[in-house]
Amino acid sequence: MTKKRKTVPDFKNEAEEREFWESHDSGDYLDWDRAERVRFANLKPSSKSISLRLPVDLLEQIKVAANKRDVPYQSLIKIWLAEKVDAR
C-alpha cells in the first residue's frame, strides 16, 4: 500500500520555504525511493569576483596563516570576513 503524500505548499519567498522545511519532514511530502539524482551543469556560481588592493606585507602574512591552516589564502580571507560580519 502506497503512503498518501501531503501537498507541498506554495511559498512567498525562499526564507518562508526554508523555515517550513526546518520544521517538516520531507518524507511526508516526497517519495524518496523514486527520486533520481540530477546534475545542474549550467548553474552560475553565486559569488562575485572583486578586486582588492592589500599591502604586500599584509598579503604575505595572510598567505602564511593560510598555509599553516592548509587552505588557499583567498578562502581564508572569505572565512575571516564571514566571521567578522557574523559577529556584528
C-alpha atoms as a PDB file:
ATOM      1  CA  MET A   1       0.000   0.000   0.000  1.00  0.00           C
ATOM      2  CA  THR A   2       1.374   3.420  -1.011  1.00  0.00           C
ATOM      3  CA  LYS A   3       1.654   6.094   1.638  1.00  0.00           C
ATOM      4  CA  LYS A   4      -0.528   9.140   0.943  1.00  0.00           C
ATOM      5  CA  ARG A   5       1.751  12.153   0.466  1.00  0.00           C
ATOM      6  CA  LYS A   6       0.962  15.651   1.649  1.00  0.00           C
ATOM      7  CA  THR A   7       0.962  18.508  -0.855  1.00  0.00           C
ATOM      8  CA  VAL A   8       3.895  20.896  -0.693  1.00  0.00           C
ATOM      9  CA  PRO A   9       2.510  24.386  -0.008  1.00  0.00           C
ATOM     10  CA  ASP A  10       3.253  27.438  -2.147  1.00  0.00           C
ATOM     11  CA  PHE A  11       5.833  29.738  -0.591  1.00  0.00           C
ATOM     12  CA  LYS A  12       6.056  33.529  -0.873  1.00  0.00           C
ATOM     13  CA  ASN A  13       9.855  33.516  -0.748  1.00  0.00           C
ATOM     14  CA  GLU A  14      12.907  31.393  -0.050  1.00  0.00           C
ATOM     15  CA  ALA A  15      13.003  32.348   3.638  1.00  0.00           C
ATOM     16  CA  GLU A  16       9.452  31.068   4.137  1.00  0.00           C
ATOM     17  CA  GLU A  17      10.321  27.823   2.369  1.00  0.00           C
ATOM     18  CA  ARG A  18      13.487  27.369   4.439  1.00  0.00           C
ATOM     19  CA  GLU A  19      11.505  27.888   7.656  1.00  0.00           C
ATOM     20  CA  PHE A  20       8.920  25.323   6.528  1.00  0.00           C
ATOM     21  CA  TRP A  21      11.474  22.603   5.728  1.00  0.00           C
ATOM     22  CA  GLU A  22      13.331  23.191   9.001  1.00  0.00           C
ATOM     23  CA  SER A  23      10.230  22.015  10.878  1.00  0.00           C
ATOM     24  CA  HIS A  24       8.734  19.430   8.473  1.00  0.00           C
ATOM     25  CA  ASP A  25       9.882  16.002   7.296  1.00  0.00           C
ATOM     26  CA  SER A  26      10.311  15.914   3.514  1.00  0.00           C
ATOM     27  CA  GLY A  27       9.418  12.193   3.573  1.00  0.00           C
ATOM     28  CA  ASP A  28       5.820  13.206   4.282  1.00  0.00           C
ATOM     29  CA  TYR A  29       5.765  15.142   1.003  1.00  0.00           C
ATOM     30  CA  LEU A  30       8.115  13.249  -1.348  1.00  0.00           C
ATOM     31  CA  ASP A  31       8.723   9.610  -2.208  1.00  0.00           C
ATOM     32  CA  TRP A  32      12.493   9.446  -1.876  1.00  0.00           C
ATOM     33  CA  ASP A  33      12.534   5.826  -3.110  1.00  0.00           C
ATOM     34  CA  ARG A  34      11.594   7.105  -6.558  1.00  0.00           C
ATOM     35  CA  ALA A  35      13.946  10.094  -6.524  1.00  0.00           C
ATOM     36  CA  GLU A  36      16.615  10.332  -9.219  1.00  0.00           C
ATOM     37  CA  ARG A  37      19.973  12.061  -8.999  1.00  0.00           C
ATOM     38  CA  VAL A  38      20.295  15.061 -11.304  1.00  0.00           C
ATOM     39  CA  ARG A  39      23.126  17.389 -12.232  1.00  0.00           C
ATOM     40  CA  PHE A  40      22.665  21.119 -12.806  1.00  0.00           C
ATOM     41  CA  ALA A  41      25.607  21.759 -15.108  1.00  0.00           C
ATOM     42  CA  ASN A  42      24.654  25.279 -16.188  1.00  0.00           C
ATOM     43  CA  LEU A  43      24.219  26.861 -12.758  1.00  0.00           C
ATOM     44  CA  LYS A  44      26.221  30.020 -12.264  1.00  0.00           C
ATOM     45  CA  PRO A  45      28.172  30.404  -9.024  1.00  0.00           C
ATOM     46  CA  SER A  46      26.525  32.691  -6.510  1.00  0.00           C
ATOM     47  CA  SER A  47      29.684  34.636  -5.833  1.00  0.00           C
ATOM     48  CA  LYS A  48      31.162  37.735  -7.395  1.00  0.00           C
ATOM     49  CA  SER A  49      34.762  38.432  -8.149  1.00  0.00           C
ATOM     50  CA  ILE A  50      36.176  41.663  -6.722  1.00  0.00           C
ATOM     51  CA  SER A  51      39.488  43.451  -6.863  1.00  0.00           C
ATOM     52  CA  LEU A  52      41.054  44.292  -3.521  1.00  0.00           C
ATOM     53  CA  ARG A  53      44.341  46.093  -3.043  1.00  0.00           C
ATOM     54  CA  LEU A  54      46.302  44.999   0.031  1.00  0.00           C
ATOM     55  CA  PRO A  55      49.726  45.983   1.278  1.00  0.00           C
ATOM     56  CA  VAL A  56      52.262  43.365   0.187  1.00  0.00           C
ATOM     57  CA  ASP A  57      53.345  42.537   3.742  1.00  0.00           C
ATOM     58  CA  LEU A  58      49.704  42.055   4.838  1.00  0.00           C
ATOM     59  CA  LEU A  59      49.068  39.696   1.925  1.00  0.00           C
ATOM     60  CA  GLU A  60      52.215  37.741   2.799  1.00  0.00           C
ATOM     61  CA  GLN A  61      51.043  37.396   6.416  1.00  0.00           C
ATOM     62  CA  ILE A  62      47.667  36.150   5.210  1.00  0.00           C
ATOM     63  CA  LYS A  63      49.354  33.607   2.932  1.00  0.00           C
ATOM     64  CA  VAL A  64      51.488  32.339   5.824  1.00  0.00           C
ATOM     65  CA  ALA A  65      48.393  31.982   8.030  1.00  0.00           C
ATOM     66  CA  ALA A  66      46.559  30.170   5.236  1.00  0.00           C
ATOM     67  CA  ASN A  67      49.489  27.834   4.661  1.00  0.00           C
ATOM     68  CA  LYS A  68      49.526  26.919   8.374  1.00  0.00           C
ATOM     69  CA  ARG A  69      45.828  26.020   8.077  1.00  0.00           C
ATOM     70  CA  ASP A  70      46.343  24.244   4.736  1.00  0.00           C
ATOM     71  CA  VAL A  71      43.713  26.353   2.945  1.00  0.00           C
ATOM     72  CA  PRO A  72      44.025  28.712  -0.027  1.00  0.00           C
ATOM     73  CA  TYR A  73      44.610  32.287   1.111  1.00  0.00           C
ATOM     74  CA  GLN A  74      41.521  33.560  -0.739  1.00  0.00           C
ATOM     75  CA  SER A  75      39.396  31.045   1.196  1.00  0.00           C
ATOM     76  CA  LEU A  76      40.918  32.169   4.485  1.00  0.00           C
ATOM     77  CA  ILE A  77      40.117  35.798   3.668  1.00  0.00           C
ATOM     78  CA  LYS A  78      36.483  34.793   2.959  1.00  0.00           C
ATOM     79  CA  ILE A  79      36.314  32.844   6.232  1.00  0.00           C
ATOM     80  CA  TRP A  80      37.673  35.784   8.226  1.00  0.00           C
ATOM     81  CA  LEU A  81      35.309  38.242   6.529  1.00  0.00           C
ATOM     82  CA  ALA A  82      32.299  35.996   7.167  1.00  0.00           C
ATOM     83  CA  GLU A  83      33.271  35.562  10.836  1.00  0.00           C
ATOM     84  CA  LYS A  84      33.618  39.316  11.276  1.00  0.00           C
ATOM     85  CA  VAL A  85      30.260  40.021   9.640  1.00  0.00           C
ATOM     86  CA  ASP A  86      28.547  37.290  11.689  1.00  0.00           C
ATOM     87  CA  ALA A  87      29.975  38.738  14.906  1.00  0.00           C
ATOM     88  CA  ARG A  88      28.126  42.043  14.338  1.00  0.00           C
END
